[in-house]
Amino acid sequence: MKIGLWLFGALLVACGIILMASGGIGMDAGPTSLVYSQLGYDALPEIAFRPRGIASLACLAAGIGLLVFTNRDAWQQTGGY
């Protein structure tokens, strides 16, 4: 049971990272790299979370929560430090 929860938590964290890297943060003015090359740091306020970014934050939070829940008593199972 714990191995399944641990693997599912790791899968959620991985999906969250992939979703964030593949368009979770963006700009309305066009591709982020092009806007930064034209405007520099003046483009920083234009960055916003896309729907994919919100989903990635949810995946990250759920995955980290599952990993913490699964490992909360691991020190007791191994006899301490």
C-alpha atoms as a PDB file:
ATOM      1  CA  MET A   1       0.000   0.000   0.000  1.00  0.00           C
ATOM      2  CA  LYS A   2       2.712   2.467   0.970  1.00  0.00           C
ATOM      3  CA  ILE A   3       4.785   1.657  -2.087  1.00  0.00           C
ATOM      4  CA  GLY A   4       1.794   2.435  -4.305  1.00  0.00           C
ATOM      5  CA  LEU A   5       1.179   5.770  -2.554  1.00  0.00           C
ATOM      6  CA  TRP A   6       4.861   6.619  -2.742  1.00  0.00           C
ATOM      7  CA  LEU A   7       4.998   5.872  -6.471  1.00  0.00           C
ATOM      8  CA  PHE A   8       1.783   7.789  -7.137  1.00  0.00           C
ATOM      9  CA  GLY A   9       3.158  10.791  -5.218  1.00  0.00           C
ATOM     10  CA  ALA A  10       6.380  10.679  -7.226  1.00  0.00           C
ATOM     11  CA  LEU A  11       4.354  10.440 -10.451  1.00  0.00           C
ATOM     12  CA  LEU A  12       2.295  13.485  -9.465  1.00  0.00           C
ATOM     13  CA  VAL A  13       5.438  15.504  -8.700  1.00  0.00           C
ATOM     14  CA  ALA A  14       6.958  14.494 -12.041  1.00  0.00           C
ATOM     15  CA  CYS A  15       3.770  15.435 -13.906  1.00  0.00           C
ATOM     16  CA  GLY A  16       3.697  18.786 -12.110  1.00  0.00           C
ATOM     17  CA  ILE A  17       7.266  19.555 -13.169  1.00  0.00           C
ATOM     18  CA  ILE A  18       6.584  18.544 -16.767  1.00  0.00           C
ATOM     19  CA  LEU A  19       3.384  20.591 -16.933  1.00  0.00           C
ATOM     20  CA  MET A  20       5.157  23.652 -15.542  1.00  0.00           C
ATOM     21  CA  ALA A  21       8.058  23.298 -17.953  1.00  0.00           C
ATOM     22  CA  SER A  22       5.818  22.804 -20.982  1.00  0.00           C
ATOM     23  CA  GLY A  23       3.844  26.021 -20.834  1.00  0.00           C
ATOM     24  CA  GLY A  24       2.664  26.475 -17.277  1.00  0.00           C
ATOM     25  CA  ILE A  25       3.989  30.018 -17.151  1.00  0.00           C
ATOM     26  CA  GLY A  26       3.640  32.350 -20.105  1.00  0.00           C
ATOM     27  CA  MET A  27       2.840  35.767 -21.507  1.00  0.00           C
ATOM     28  CA  ASP A  28      -0.001  37.094 -23.627  1.00  0.00           C
ATOM     29  CA  ALA A  29       2.403  39.024 -25.854  1.00  0.00           C
ATOM     30  CA  GLY A  30       3.920  35.861 -27.324  1.00  0.00           C
ATOM     31  CA  PRO A  31       6.575  33.299 -26.474  1.00  0.00           C
ATOM     32  CA  THR A  32       8.289  34.148 -23.209  1.00  0.00           C
ATOM     33  CA  SER A  33      11.815  34.014 -24.631  1.00  0.00           C
ATOM     34  CA  LEU A  34      10.986  36.463 -27.434  1.00  0.00           C
ATOM     35  CA  VAL A  35       9.268  38.920 -25.125  1.00  0.00           C
ATOM     36  CA  TYR A  36      12.242  38.867 -22.727  1.00  0.00           C
ATOM     37  CA  SER A  37      14.685  39.408 -25.597  1.00  0.00           C
ATOM     38  CA  GLN A  38      12.726  42.490 -26.698  1.00  0.00           C
ATOM     39  CA  LEU A  39      11.732  44.002 -23.348  1.00  0.00           C
ATOM     40  CA  GLY A  40      14.286  42.652 -20.879  1.00  0.00           C
ATOM     41  CA  TYR A  41      13.243  42.752 -17.235  1.00  0.00           C
ATOM     42  CA  ASP A  42      10.380  45.119 -18.095  1.00  0.00           C
ATOM     43  CA  ALA A  43       8.477  42.003 -19.196  1.00  0.00           C
ATOM     44  CA  LEU A  44       8.545  40.489 -15.705  1.00  0.00           C
ATOM     45  CA  PRO A  45       5.105  41.832 -14.658  1.00  0.00           C
ATOM     46  CA  GLU A  46       3.618  40.274 -17.797  1.00  0.00           C
ATOM     47  CA  ILE A  47       4.293  36.699 -16.622  1.00  0.00           C
ATOM     48  CA  ALA A  48       1.172  34.827 -15.583  1.00  0.00           C
ATOM     49  CA  PHE A  49       0.166  31.290 -14.714  1.00  0.00           C
ATOM     50  CA  ARG A  50      -1.657  29.538 -17.515  1.00  0.00           C
ATOM     51  CA  PRO A  51      -4.312  26.886 -16.804  1.00  0.00           C
ATOM     52  CA  ARG A  52      -1.587  24.284 -17.272  1.00  0.00           C
ATOM     53  CA  GLY A  53       0.458  26.104 -14.611  1.00  0.00           C
ATOM     54  CA  ILE A  54      -2.401  25.951 -12.112  1.00  0.00           C
ATOM     55  CA  ALA A  55      -2.771  22.223 -12.804  1.00  0.00           C
ATOM     56  CA  SER A  56       0.969  21.773 -12.312  1.00  0.00           C
ATOM     57  CA  LEU A  57       0.848  23.501  -8.926  1.00  0.00           C
ATOM     58  CA  ALA A  58      -2.020  21.214  -7.903  1.00  0.00           C
ATOM     59  CA  CYS A  59      -0.042  18.130  -9.031  1.00  0.00           C
ATOM     60  CA  LEU A  60       3.036  19.317  -7.163  1.00  0.00           C
ATOM     61  CA  ALA A  61       1.102  20.012  -3.962  1.00  0.00           C
ATOM     62  CA  ALA A  62      -0.742  16.681  -4.070  1.00  0.00           C
ATOM     63  CA  GLY A  63       2.429  14.752  -4.897  1.00  0.00           C
ATOM     64  CA  ILE A  64       4.495  16.359  -2.151  1.00  0.00           C
ATOM     65  CA  GLY A  65       1.622  15.809   0.273  1.00  0.00           C
ATOM     66  CA  LEU A  66       1.474  12.111  -0.592  1.00  0.00           C
ATOM     67  CA  LEU A  67       5.238  11.738  -0.242  1.00  0.00           C
ATOM     68  CA  VAL A  68       5.205  13.431   3.165  1.00  0.00           C
ATOM     69  CA  PHE A  69       2.225  11.332   4.281  1.00  0.00           C
ATOM     70  CA  THR A  70       3.873   8.107   3.133  1.00  0.00           C
ATOM     71  CA  ASN A  71       7.252   8.873   4.750  1.00  0.00           C
ATOM     72  CA  ARG A  72       5.986  10.413   7.994  1.00  0.00           C
ATOM     73  CA  ASP A  73       6.862   7.392  10.139  1.00  0.00           C
ATOM     74  CA  ALA A  74       9.761   5.923   8.154  1.00  0.00           C
ATOM     75  CA  TRP A  75      12.186   6.635  10.993  1.00  0.00           C
ATOM     76  CA  GLN A  76      10.133   4.400  13.314  1.00  0.00           C
ATOM     77  CA  GLN A  77      10.208   1.526  10.820  1.00  0.00           C
ATOM     78  CA  THR A  78      13.992   1.653  10.554  1.00  0.00           C
ATOM     79  CA  GLY A  79      14.668   1.877  14.285  1.00  0.00           C
ATOM     80  CA  GLY A  80      15.610   5.530  14.369  1.00  0.00           C
ATOM     81  CA  TYR A  81      18.762   7.077  13.019  1.00  0.00           C
END
